[in-house]
């Protein structure tokens, strides 16, 4: 009854691991770099594997009943093109449930999961609170954040809540074929999130708004491909209603409200000081 967590050393994956362990089930962690898994609990079985190379996955899938599956892979977080192979291998291994962490756009992984014979649940996290950690270095060094689209709202969700929901849909019943949009309790702009961090660390912070072109240039310099740059610009600058519409999904599935950004900021305040 082992559960496999892909991206187990990532911000969400670590929470999926801990939530599954709290439910008393065996957990196997898939990572491209096993050395990065040193911080995982000792009872977790760590296996090396790469979602972009299905040939590395048979050992990871052996004896697994449920998989927390990503839709991107590699250093550039590009859309995985190996979905059909992964799903076929999972079915042959006897996997019964797959929870897909997706970005709301159809892709090879999503299409393959929907077409396959394994129970599936799609988890769409609108935007992670942990993405704000990308501001930490600039805040510590200069006391300012330089971002585009400063007044566009997003219903950001705590990655710990996403991990808890993933564990619920993998181990609980009644979630097959469901698409769950996960949000926090409020929709906030980047300026509002920065103000919340400022309150958490007791320091005045400045928001410097970039133009869209400046943002695109920065993303390209960071190594993002054109597909991801276009996705970021579209999602951040002109998001669909789903991006800023607060849902009650976390509370319905977990029996408690989602954590607000202020709580997240206090928990992670040390990263910004």
C-alpha atoms as a PDB file:
ATOM      1  CA  UNK A   1       0.000   0.000   0.000  1.00  0.00           C
ATOM      2  CA  UNK A   2       2.856   2.374  -0.827  1.00  0.00           C
ATOM      3  CA  UNK A   3       2.210   5.901  -2.110  1.00  0.00           C
ATOM      4  CA  UNK A   4       4.619   7.571  -4.515  1.00  0.00           C
ATOM      5  CA  UNK A   5       5.203  11.324  -4.351  1.00  0.00           C
ATOM      6  CA  UNK A   6       6.861  12.861  -7.403  1.00  0.00           C
ATOM      7  CA  UNK A   7       8.666  16.143  -6.848  1.00  0.00           C
ATOM      8  CA  UNK A   8       8.988  15.029  -3.235  1.00  0.00           C
ATOM      9  CA  UNK A   9      11.733  17.518  -2.402  1.00  0.00           C
ATOM     10  CA  UNK A  10       9.737  20.461  -3.738  1.00  0.00           C
ATOM     11  CA  UNK A  11       7.693  22.892  -1.678  1.00  0.00           C
ATOM     12  CA  UNK A  12       4.404  21.077  -2.225  1.00  0.00           C
ATOM     13  CA  UNK A  13       5.849  17.579  -2.424  1.00  0.00           C
ATOM     14  CA  UNK A  14       7.358  17.771   1.043  1.00  0.00           C
ATOM     15  CA  UNK A  15       3.927  18.538   2.465  1.00  0.00           C
ATOM     16  CA  UNK A  16       2.331  15.673   0.544  1.00  0.00           C
ATOM     17  CA  UNK A  17       4.941  13.370   2.069  1.00  0.00           C
ATOM     18  CA  UNK A  18       4.338  14.582   5.627  1.00  0.00           C
ATOM     19  CA  UNK A  19       0.555  14.439   5.269  1.00  0.00           C
ATOM     20  CA  UNK A  20       0.648  10.884   3.937  1.00  0.00           C
ATOM     21  CA  UNK A  21       2.937   9.833   6.774  1.00  0.00           C
ATOM     22  CA  UNK A  22       0.504  11.385   9.247  1.00  0.00           C
ATOM     23  CA  UNK A  23      -2.147   9.066   7.802  1.00  0.00           C
ATOM     24  CA  UNK A  24       0.058   6.079   8.599  1.00  0.00           C
ATOM     25  CA  UNK A  25       0.784   4.893   5.059  1.00  0.00           C
ATOM     26  CA  UNK A  26       4.174   3.963   3.538  1.00  0.00           C
ATOM     27  CA  UNK A  27       5.635   6.720   1.389  1.00  0.00           C
ATOM     28  CA  UNK A  28       8.148   6.556  -1.446  1.00  0.00           C
ATOM     29  CA  UNK A  29       9.723   9.795  -2.639  1.00  0.00           C
ATOM     30  CA  UNK A  30      10.796  10.239  -6.252  1.00  0.00           C
ATOM     31  CA  UNK A  31      13.526  12.779  -6.878  1.00  0.00           C
ATOM     32  CA  UNK A  32      16.034  13.497  -9.598  1.00  0.00           C
ATOM     33  CA  UNK A  33      18.597  14.363  -6.931  1.00  0.00           C
ATOM     34  CA  UNK A  34      18.456  11.967  -3.946  1.00  0.00           C
ATOM     35  CA  UNK A  35      20.981  14.098  -2.062  1.00  0.00           C
ATOM     36  CA  UNK A  36      18.305  16.800  -1.770  1.00  0.00           C
ATOM     37  CA  UNK A  37      16.038  14.348   0.054  1.00  0.00           C
ATOM     38  CA  UNK A  38      18.165  14.429   3.197  1.00  0.00           C
ATOM     39  CA  UNK A  39      15.568  16.584   4.930  1.00  0.00           C
ATOM     40  CA  UNK A  40      12.748  14.097   4.444  1.00  0.00           C
ATOM     41  CA  UNK A  41      11.697  11.940   7.413  1.00  0.00           C
ATOM     42  CA  UNK A  42      13.817   8.790   7.791  1.00  0.00           C
ATOM     43  CA  UNK A  43      10.856   6.460   7.244  1.00  0.00           C
ATOM     44  CA  UNK A  44      10.446   7.731   3.686  1.00  0.00           C
ATOM     45  CA  UNK A  45      11.876   5.483   0.981  1.00  0.00           C
ATOM     46  CA  UNK A  46      13.831   7.679  -1.429  1.00  0.00           C
ATOM     47  CA  UNK A  47      14.245   6.548  -5.038  1.00  0.00           C
ATOM     48  CA  UNK A  48      15.991   8.253  -7.930  1.00  0.00           C
ATOM     49  CA  UNK A  49      13.989   8.892 -11.062  1.00  0.00           C
ATOM     50  CA  UNK A  50      13.139  11.491 -13.663  1.00  0.00           C
ATOM     51  CA  UNK A  51       9.644  12.066 -15.049  1.00  0.00           C
ATOM     52  CA  UNK A  52      11.185  13.236 -18.317  1.00  0.00           C
ATOM     53  CA  UNK A  53      12.798   9.779 -18.700  1.00  0.00           C
ATOM     54  CA  UNK A  54      10.198   7.019 -18.076  1.00  0.00           C
ATOM     55  CA  UNK A  55      12.899   4.361 -18.279  1.00  0.00           C
ATOM     56  CA  UNK A  56      13.998   5.464 -14.795  1.00  0.00           C
ATOM     57  CA  UNK A  57      10.563   4.869 -13.214  1.00  0.00           C
ATOM     58  CA  UNK A  58       9.805   1.093 -12.985  1.00  0.00           C
ATOM     59  CA  UNK A  59      11.428   0.627  -9.570  1.00  0.00           C
ATOM     60  CA  UNK A  60       9.682   3.715  -8.227  1.00  0.00           C
ATOM     61  CA  UNK A  61       6.243   2.430  -9.305  1.00  0.00           C
ATOM     62  CA  UNK A  62       6.675  -1.137  -8.046  1.00  0.00           C
ATOM     63  CA  UNK A  63       4.039  -1.915  -5.408  1.00  0.00           C
ATOM     64  CA  UNK A  64       2.538   1.576  -5.502  1.00  0.00           C
ATOM     65  CA  UNK A  65      -1.236   2.112  -5.123  1.00  0.00           C
ATOM     66  CA  UNK A  66      -1.370   5.909  -5.377  1.00  0.00           C
ATOM     67  CA  UNK A  67       0.742   8.592  -7.079  1.00  0.00           C
ATOM     68  CA  UNK A  68       1.004  12.320  -6.550  1.00  0.00           C
ATOM     69  CA  UNK A  69       1.970  13.371 -10.078  1.00  0.00           C
ATOM     70  CA  UNK A  70       3.411  16.594 -11.469  1.00  0.00           C
ATOM     71  CA  UNK A  71       2.784  17.896 -14.985  1.00  0.00           C
ATOM     72  CA  UNK A  72       6.159  19.609 -15.407  1.00  0.00           C
ATOM     73  CA  UNK A  73       9.700  18.335 -15.170  1.00  0.00           C
ATOM     74  CA  UNK A  74      13.348  19.113 -15.663  1.00  0.00           C
ATOM     75  CA  UNK A  75      15.356  22.098 -14.543  1.00  0.00           C
ATOM     76  CA  UNK A  76      13.250  24.435 -16.675  1.00  0.00           C
ATOM     77  CA  UNK A  77       9.903  23.140 -15.360  1.00  0.00           C
ATOM     78  CA  UNK A  78       8.777  22.521 -18.922  1.00  0.00           C
ATOM     79  CA  UNK A  79       5.508  20.717 -19.658  1.00  0.00           C
ATOM     80  CA  UNK A  80       6.059  16.982 -19.473  1.00  0.00           C
ATOM     81  CA  UNK A  81       5.671  15.215 -22.814  1.00  0.00           C
ATOM     82  CA  UNK A  82       5.947  11.765 -21.263  1.00  0.00           C
ATOM     83  CA  UNK A  83       2.437  11.546 -19.814  1.00  0.00           C
ATOM     84  CA  UNK A  84       1.276   8.589 -21.935  1.00  0.00           C
ATOM     85  CA  UNK A  85       4.327   6.516 -20.996  1.00  0.00           C
ATOM     86  CA  UNK A  86       4.044   7.378 -17.301  1.00  0.00           C
ATOM     87  CA  UNK A  87       0.348   6.516 -17.128  1.00  0.00           C
ATOM     88  CA  UNK A  88       0.824   3.248 -19.021  1.00  0.00           C
ATOM     89  CA  UNK A  89       3.614   2.234 -16.658  1.00  0.00           C
ATOM     90  CA  UNK A  90       1.530   3.195 -13.623  1.00  0.00           C
ATOM     91  CA  UNK A  91      -1.398   1.070 -14.794  1.00  0.00           C
ATOM     92  CA  UNK A  92       0.839  -1.924 -15.455  1.00  0.00           C
ATOM     93  CA  UNK A  93       2.306  -1.522 -11.956  1.00  0.00           C
ATOM     94  CA  UNK A  94      -1.173  -1.672 -10.408  1.00  0.00           C
ATOM     95  CA  UNK A  95      -1.526   1.974  -9.394  1.00  0.00           C
ATOM     96  CA  UNK A  96      -5.165   2.631  -8.440  1.00  0.00           C
ATOM     97  CA  UNK A  97      -5.228   6.401  -7.864  1.00  0.00           C
ATOM     98  CA  UNK A  98      -3.430   9.405  -9.321  1.00  0.00           C
ATOM     99  CA  UNK A  99      -3.626  12.947  -7.949  1.00  0.00           C
ATOM    100  CA  UNK A 100      -2.405  15.391 -10.584  1.00  0.00           C
ATOM    101  CA  UNK A 101      -1.016  18.783  -9.568  1.00  0.00           C
ATOM    102  CA  UNK A 102      -1.762  20.803 -12.700  1.00  0.00           C
ATOM    103  CA  UNK A 103      -1.897  24.382 -13.961  1.00  0.00           C
ATOM    104  CA  UNK A 104      -5.384  24.324 -15.431  1.00  0.00           C
ATOM    105  CA  UNK A 105      -4.276  23.841 -19.044  1.00  0.00           C
ATOM    106  CA  UNK A 106      -4.689  20.544 -20.907  1.00  0.00           C
ATOM    107  CA  UNK A 107      -1.376  18.801 -21.523  1.00  0.00           C
ATOM    108  CA  UNK A 108       0.118  15.374 -22.219  1.00  0.00           C
ATOM    109  CA  UNK A 109      -0.034  14.267 -18.575  1.00  0.00           C
ATOM    110  CA  UNK A 110      -3.593  15.447 -17.994  1.00  0.00           C
ATOM    111  CA  UNK A 111      -4.832  13.965 -21.267  1.00  0.00           C
ATOM    112  CA  UNK A 112      -3.191  10.623 -20.578  1.00  0.00           C
ATOM    113  CA  UNK A 113      -4.533  10.425 -17.032  1.00  0.00           C
ATOM    114  CA  UNK A 114      -8.077  11.220 -18.150  1.00  0.00           C
ATOM    115  CA  UNK A 115      -7.890   8.614 -20.928  1.00  0.00           C
ATOM    116  CA  UNK A 116      -6.428   5.911 -18.710  1.00  0.00           C
ATOM    117  CA  UNK A 117      -8.114   3.380 -16.477  1.00  0.00           C
ATOM    118  CA  UNK A 118      -6.800   4.624 -13.141  1.00  0.00           C
ATOM    119  CA  UNK A 119      -8.862   6.758 -10.746  1.00  0.00           C
ATOM    120  CA  UNK A 120      -7.738  10.359 -11.064  1.00  0.00           C
ATOM    121  CA  UNK A 121      -8.245  13.700  -9.361  1.00  0.00           C
ATOM    122  CA  UNK A 122      -6.986  17.041 -10.687  1.00  0.00           C
ATOM    123  CA  UNK A 123      -5.708  19.551  -8.138  1.00  0.00           C
ATOM    124  CA  UNK A 124      -5.467  23.070  -9.522  1.00  0.00           C
ATOM    125  CA  UNK A 125      -3.618  25.390  -7.150  1.00  0.00           C
ATOM    126  CA  UNK A 126      -4.201  28.902  -8.441  1.00  0.00           C
ATOM    127  CA  UNK A 127      -0.919  30.278  -7.083  1.00  0.00           C
ATOM    128  CA  UNK A 128       1.268  29.131  -4.217  1.00  0.00           C
ATOM    129  CA  UNK A 129       2.051  31.369  -1.273  1.00  0.00           C
ATOM    130  CA  UNK A 130       5.539  29.879  -1.335  1.00  0.00           C
ATOM    131  CA  UNK A 131       6.226  31.558  -4.680  1.00  0.00           C
ATOM    132  CA  UNK A 132       6.579  34.716  -2.604  1.00  0.00           C
ATOM    133  CA  UNK A 133       9.839  33.289  -1.246  1.00  0.00           C
ATOM    134  CA  UNK A 134      11.304  34.381  -4.573  1.00  0.00           C
ATOM    135  CA  UNK A 135      11.180  37.890  -3.128  1.00  0.00           C
ATOM    136  CA  UNK A 136      13.196  37.026  -0.035  1.00  0.00           C
ATOM    137  CA  UNK A 137      16.686  37.816  -1.302  1.00  0.00           C
ATOM    138  CA  UNK A 138      15.647  41.195  -2.667  1.00  0.00           C
ATOM    139  CA  UNK A 139      13.768  42.070   0.510  1.00  0.00           C
ATOM    140  CA  UNK A 140      16.731  41.185   2.699  1.00  0.00           C
ATOM    141  CA  UNK A 141      19.219  43.055   0.510  1.00  0.00           C
ATOM    142  CA  UNK A 142      17.298  46.152  -0.585  1.00  0.00           C
ATOM    143  CA  UNK A 143      13.968  46.257   1.199  1.00  0.00           C
ATOM    144  CA  UNK A 144      12.120  46.282  -2.109  1.00  0.00           C
ATOM    145  CA  UNK A 145      10.399  43.966  -4.569  1.00  0.00           C
ATOM    146  CA  UNK A 146      10.403  44.490  -8.343  1.00  0.00           C
ATOM    147  CA  UNK A 147       7.464  42.735 -10.028  1.00  0.00           C
ATOM    148  CA  UNK A 148       4.922  43.369 -12.798  1.00  0.00           C
ATOM    149  CA  UNK A 149       1.141  43.591 -12.418  1.00  0.00           C
ATOM    150  CA  UNK A 150       1.194  44.979  -8.886  1.00  0.00           C
ATOM    151  CA  UNK A 151      -2.577  45.421  -8.604  1.00  0.00           C
ATOM    152  CA  UNK A 152      -3.753  42.115 -10.080  1.00  0.00           C
ATOM    153  CA  UNK A 153      -5.365  39.864  -7.497  1.00  0.00           C
ATOM    154  CA  UNK A 154      -4.687  36.163  -7.002  1.00  0.00           C
ATOM    155  CA  UNK A 155      -6.284  33.746  -4.550  1.00  0.00           C
ATOM    156  CA  UNK A 156      -2.963  32.314  -3.381  1.00  0.00           C
ATOM    157  CA  UNK A 157      -3.009  29.058  -1.422  1.00  0.00           C
ATOM    158  CA  UNK A 158      -0.682  27.721   1.251  1.00  0.00           C
ATOM    159  CA  UNK A 159       1.325  24.825  -0.159  1.00  0.00           C
ATOM    160  CA  UNK A 160       0.733  22.964   3.113  1.00  0.00           C
ATOM    161  CA  UNK A 161      -3.002  22.994   2.375  1.00  0.00           C
ATOM    162  CA  UNK A 162      -2.340  21.628  -1.107  1.00  0.00           C
ATOM    163  CA  UNK A 163      -0.285  18.817   0.397  1.00  0.00           C
ATOM    164  CA  UNK A 164      -3.076  17.976   2.822  1.00  0.00           C
ATOM    165  CA  UNK A 165      -5.655  17.881   0.024  1.00  0.00           C
ATOM    166  CA  UNK A 166      -3.409  15.658  -2.097  1.00  0.00           C
ATOM    167  CA  UNK A 167      -3.101  13.188   0.776  1.00  0.00           C
ATOM    168  CA  UNK A 168      -6.867  13.238   1.253  1.00  0.00           C
ATOM    169  CA  UNK A 169      -7.718  12.476  -2.376  1.00  0.00           C
ATOM    170  CA  UNK A 170      -5.112   9.717  -2.560  1.00  0.00           C
ATOM    171  CA  UNK A 171      -6.198   7.922   0.610  1.00  0.00           C
ATOM    172  CA  UNK A 172      -9.878   8.912   0.889  1.00  0.00           C
ATOM    173  CA  UNK A 173     -12.909   7.944  -1.148  1.00  0.00           C
ATOM    174  CA  UNK A 174     -15.258   9.925  -3.373  1.00  0.00           C
ATOM    175  CA  UNK A 175     -12.715  11.982  -5.309  1.00  0.00           C
ATOM    176  CA  UNK A 176     -12.422  10.031  -8.569  1.00  0.00           C
ATOM    177  CA  UNK A 177     -12.933  12.171 -11.655  1.00  0.00           C
ATOM    178  CA  UNK A 178     -13.047  15.418  -9.661  1.00  0.00           C
ATOM    179  CA  UNK A 179     -11.300  18.674 -10.529  1.00  0.00           C
ATOM    180  CA  UNK A 180     -10.572  20.685  -7.385  1.00  0.00           C
ATOM    181  CA  UNK A 181      -9.523  24.324  -7.526  1.00  0.00           C
ATOM    182  CA  UNK A 182      -7.578  25.161  -4.373  1.00  0.00           C
ATOM    183  CA  UNK A 183      -7.291  28.695  -3.008  1.00  0.00           C
ATOM    184  CA  UNK A 184      -6.621  30.532   0.188  1.00  0.00           C
ATOM    185  CA  UNK A 185      -9.371  32.479   1.979  1.00  0.00           C
ATOM    186  CA  UNK A 186      -8.787  35.763   0.110  1.00  0.00           C
ATOM    187  CA  UNK A 187      -7.534  37.197  -3.179  1.00  0.00           C
ATOM    188  CA  UNK A 188      -4.548  39.522  -2.763  1.00  0.00           C
ATOM    189  CA  UNK A 189      -2.459  41.699  -5.058  1.00  0.00           C
ATOM    190  CA  UNK A 190       1.357  41.571  -5.001  1.00  0.00           C
ATOM    191  CA  UNK A 191       1.332  44.954  -3.232  1.00  0.00           C
ATOM    192  CA  UNK A 192      -0.947  43.576  -0.535  1.00  0.00           C
ATOM    193  CA  UNK A 193       1.187  40.482  -0.078  1.00  0.00           C
ATOM    194  CA  UNK A 194       4.280  42.647   0.298  1.00  0.00           C
ATOM    195  CA  UNK A 195       2.509  44.808   2.884  1.00  0.00           C
ATOM    196  CA  UNK A 196       1.587  41.648   4.788  1.00  0.00           C
ATOM    197  CA  UNK A 197       5.214  40.503   4.780  1.00  0.00           C
ATOM    198  CA  UNK A 198       6.292  43.961   5.963  1.00  0.00           C
ATOM    199  CA  UNK A 199       3.917  43.668   8.914  1.00  0.00           C
ATOM    200  CA  UNK A 200       5.197  40.173   9.704  1.00  0.00           C
ATOM    201  CA  UNK A 201       8.857  41.257   9.836  1.00  0.00           C
ATOM    202  CA  UNK A 202       8.297  44.751  11.217  1.00  0.00           C
ATOM    203  CA  UNK A 203      10.069  46.528   8.378  1.00  0.00           C
ATOM    204  CA  UNK A 204       8.970  49.026   5.751  1.00  0.00           C
ATOM    205  CA  UNK A 205       9.179  47.547   2.247  1.00  0.00           C
ATOM    206  CA  UNK A 206       8.826  49.087  -1.225  1.00  0.00           C
ATOM    207  CA  UNK A 207       7.054  47.730  -4.288  1.00  0.00           C
ATOM    208  CA  UNK A 208       8.581  48.703  -7.652  1.00  0.00           C
ATOM    209  CA  UNK A 209       6.352  47.789 -10.580  1.00  0.00           C
ATOM    210  CA  UNK A 210       7.986  46.419 -13.735  1.00  0.00           C
ATOM    211  CA  UNK A 211       6.522  46.731 -17.195  1.00  0.00           C
ATOM    212  CA  UNK A 212       5.400  43.517 -18.865  1.00  0.00           C
ATOM    213  CA  UNK A 213       8.356  43.683 -21.255  1.00  0.00           C
ATOM    214  CA  UNK A 214      10.801  44.084 -18.373  1.00  0.00           C
ATOM    215  CA  UNK A 215       9.230  41.059 -16.704  1.00  0.00           C
ATOM    216  CA  UNK A 216       9.413  38.980 -19.897  1.00  0.00           C
ATOM    217  CA  UNK A 217      13.086  39.893 -20.331  1.00  0.00           C
ATOM    218  CA  UNK A 218      13.832  38.859 -16.767  1.00  0.00           C
ATOM    219  CA  UNK A 219      12.065  35.513 -17.142  1.00  0.00           C
ATOM    220  CA  UNK A 220      13.991  34.762 -20.323  1.00  0.00           C
ATOM    221  CA  UNK A 221      17.271  35.670 -18.634  1.00  0.00           C
ATOM    222  CA  UNK A 222      16.312  33.194 -15.910  1.00  0.00           C
ATOM    223  CA  UNK A 223      16.183  30.473 -18.587  1.00  0.00           C
ATOM    224  CA  UNK A 224      12.428  30.099 -19.006  1.00  0.00           C
ATOM    225  CA  UNK A 225      11.289  29.008 -22.462  1.00  0.00           C
ATOM    226  CA  UNK A 226       8.828  31.062 -24.510  1.00  0.00           C
ATOM    227  CA  UNK A 227       5.878  28.839 -23.560  1.00  0.00           C
ATOM    228  CA  UNK A 228       6.439  29.419 -19.858  1.00  0.00           C
ATOM    229  CA  UNK A 229       7.101  33.147 -20.340  1.00  0.00           C
ATOM    230  CA  UNK A 230       3.809  33.537 -22.210  1.00  0.00           C
ATOM    231  CA  UNK A 231       1.991  31.547 -19.539  1.00  0.00           C
ATOM    232  CA  UNK A 232       3.417  33.689 -16.738  1.00  0.00           C
ATOM    233  CA  UNK A 233       2.605  36.950 -18.509  1.00  0.00           C
ATOM    234  CA  UNK A 234      -0.943  35.842 -19.279  1.00  0.00           C
ATOM    235  CA  UNK A 235      -1.658  34.342 -15.871  1.00  0.00           C
ATOM    236  CA  UNK A 236      -0.191  37.242 -13.896  1.00  0.00           C
ATOM    237  CA  UNK A 237      -1.304  40.112 -16.126  1.00  0.00           C
ATOM    238  CA  UNK A 238      -4.738  39.056 -17.338  1.00  0.00           C
ATOM    239  CA  UNK A 239      -5.767  36.036 -15.292  1.00  0.00           C
ATOM    240  CA  UNK A 240      -9.037  34.202 -15.821  1.00  0.00           C
ATOM    241  CA  UNK A 241     -11.648  34.462 -13.061  1.00  0.00           C
ATOM    242  CA  UNK A 242     -10.484  31.157 -11.591  1.00  0.00           C
ATOM    243  CA  UNK A 243      -7.227  32.855 -10.569  1.00  0.00           C
ATOM    244  CA  UNK A 244      -8.870  35.324  -8.226  1.00  0.00           C
ATOM    245  CA  UNK A 245     -12.104  33.567  -7.261  1.00  0.00           C
ATOM    246  CA  UNK A 246     -11.942  32.191  -3.728  1.00  0.00           C
ATOM    247  CA  UNK A 247     -13.264  28.628  -3.356  1.00  0.00           C
ATOM    248  CA  UNK A 248     -14.350  26.624  -0.322  1.00  0.00           C
ATOM    249  CA  UNK A 249     -12.660  23.443  -1.571  1.00  0.00           C
ATOM    250  CA  UNK A 250      -9.949  23.247   1.090  1.00  0.00           C
ATOM    251  CA  UNK A 251     -12.475  23.636   3.894  1.00  0.00           C
ATOM    252  CA  UNK A 252     -14.879  21.107   2.360  1.00  0.00           C
ATOM    253  CA  UNK A 253     -12.174  18.481   1.956  1.00  0.00           C
ATOM    254  CA  UNK A 254     -10.197  19.059   5.143  1.00  0.00           C
ATOM    255  CA  UNK A 255     -12.890  20.254   7.535  1.00  0.00           C
ATOM    256  CA  UNK A 256     -10.995  23.440   8.380  1.00  0.00           C
ATOM    257  CA  UNK A 257     -10.514  26.828   6.710  1.00  0.00           C
ATOM    258  CA  UNK A 258      -7.501  27.374   4.433  1.00  0.00           C
ATOM    259  CA  UNK A 259      -4.621  29.254   6.005  1.00  0.00           C
ATOM    260  CA  UNK A 260      -4.509  33.000   5.278  1.00  0.00           C
ATOM    261  CA  UNK A 261      -1.453  34.651   3.797  1.00  0.00           C
ATOM    262  CA  UNK A 262      -0.797  36.519   7.043  1.00  0.00           C
ATOM    263  CA  UNK A 263      -0.309  33.201   8.841  1.00  0.00           C
ATOM    264  CA  UNK A 264       1.996  31.953   6.103  1.00  0.00           C
ATOM    265  CA  UNK A 265       4.023  35.208   6.275  1.00  0.00           C
ATOM    266  CA  UNK A 266       4.518  34.893  10.037  1.00  0.00           C
ATOM    267  CA  UNK A 267       5.602  31.242   9.716  1.00  0.00           C
ATOM    268  CA  UNK A 268       8.158  32.182   7.049  1.00  0.00           C
ATOM    269  CA  UNK A 269       9.151  35.589   8.420  1.00  0.00           C
ATOM    270  CA  UNK A 270      12.747  34.521   9.051  1.00  0.00           C
ATOM    271  CA  UNK A 271      13.301  34.033   5.312  1.00  0.00           C
ATOM    272  CA  UNK A 272      12.615  37.737   4.710  1.00  0.00           C
ATOM    273  CA  UNK A 273      14.622  39.238   7.573  1.00  0.00           C
END
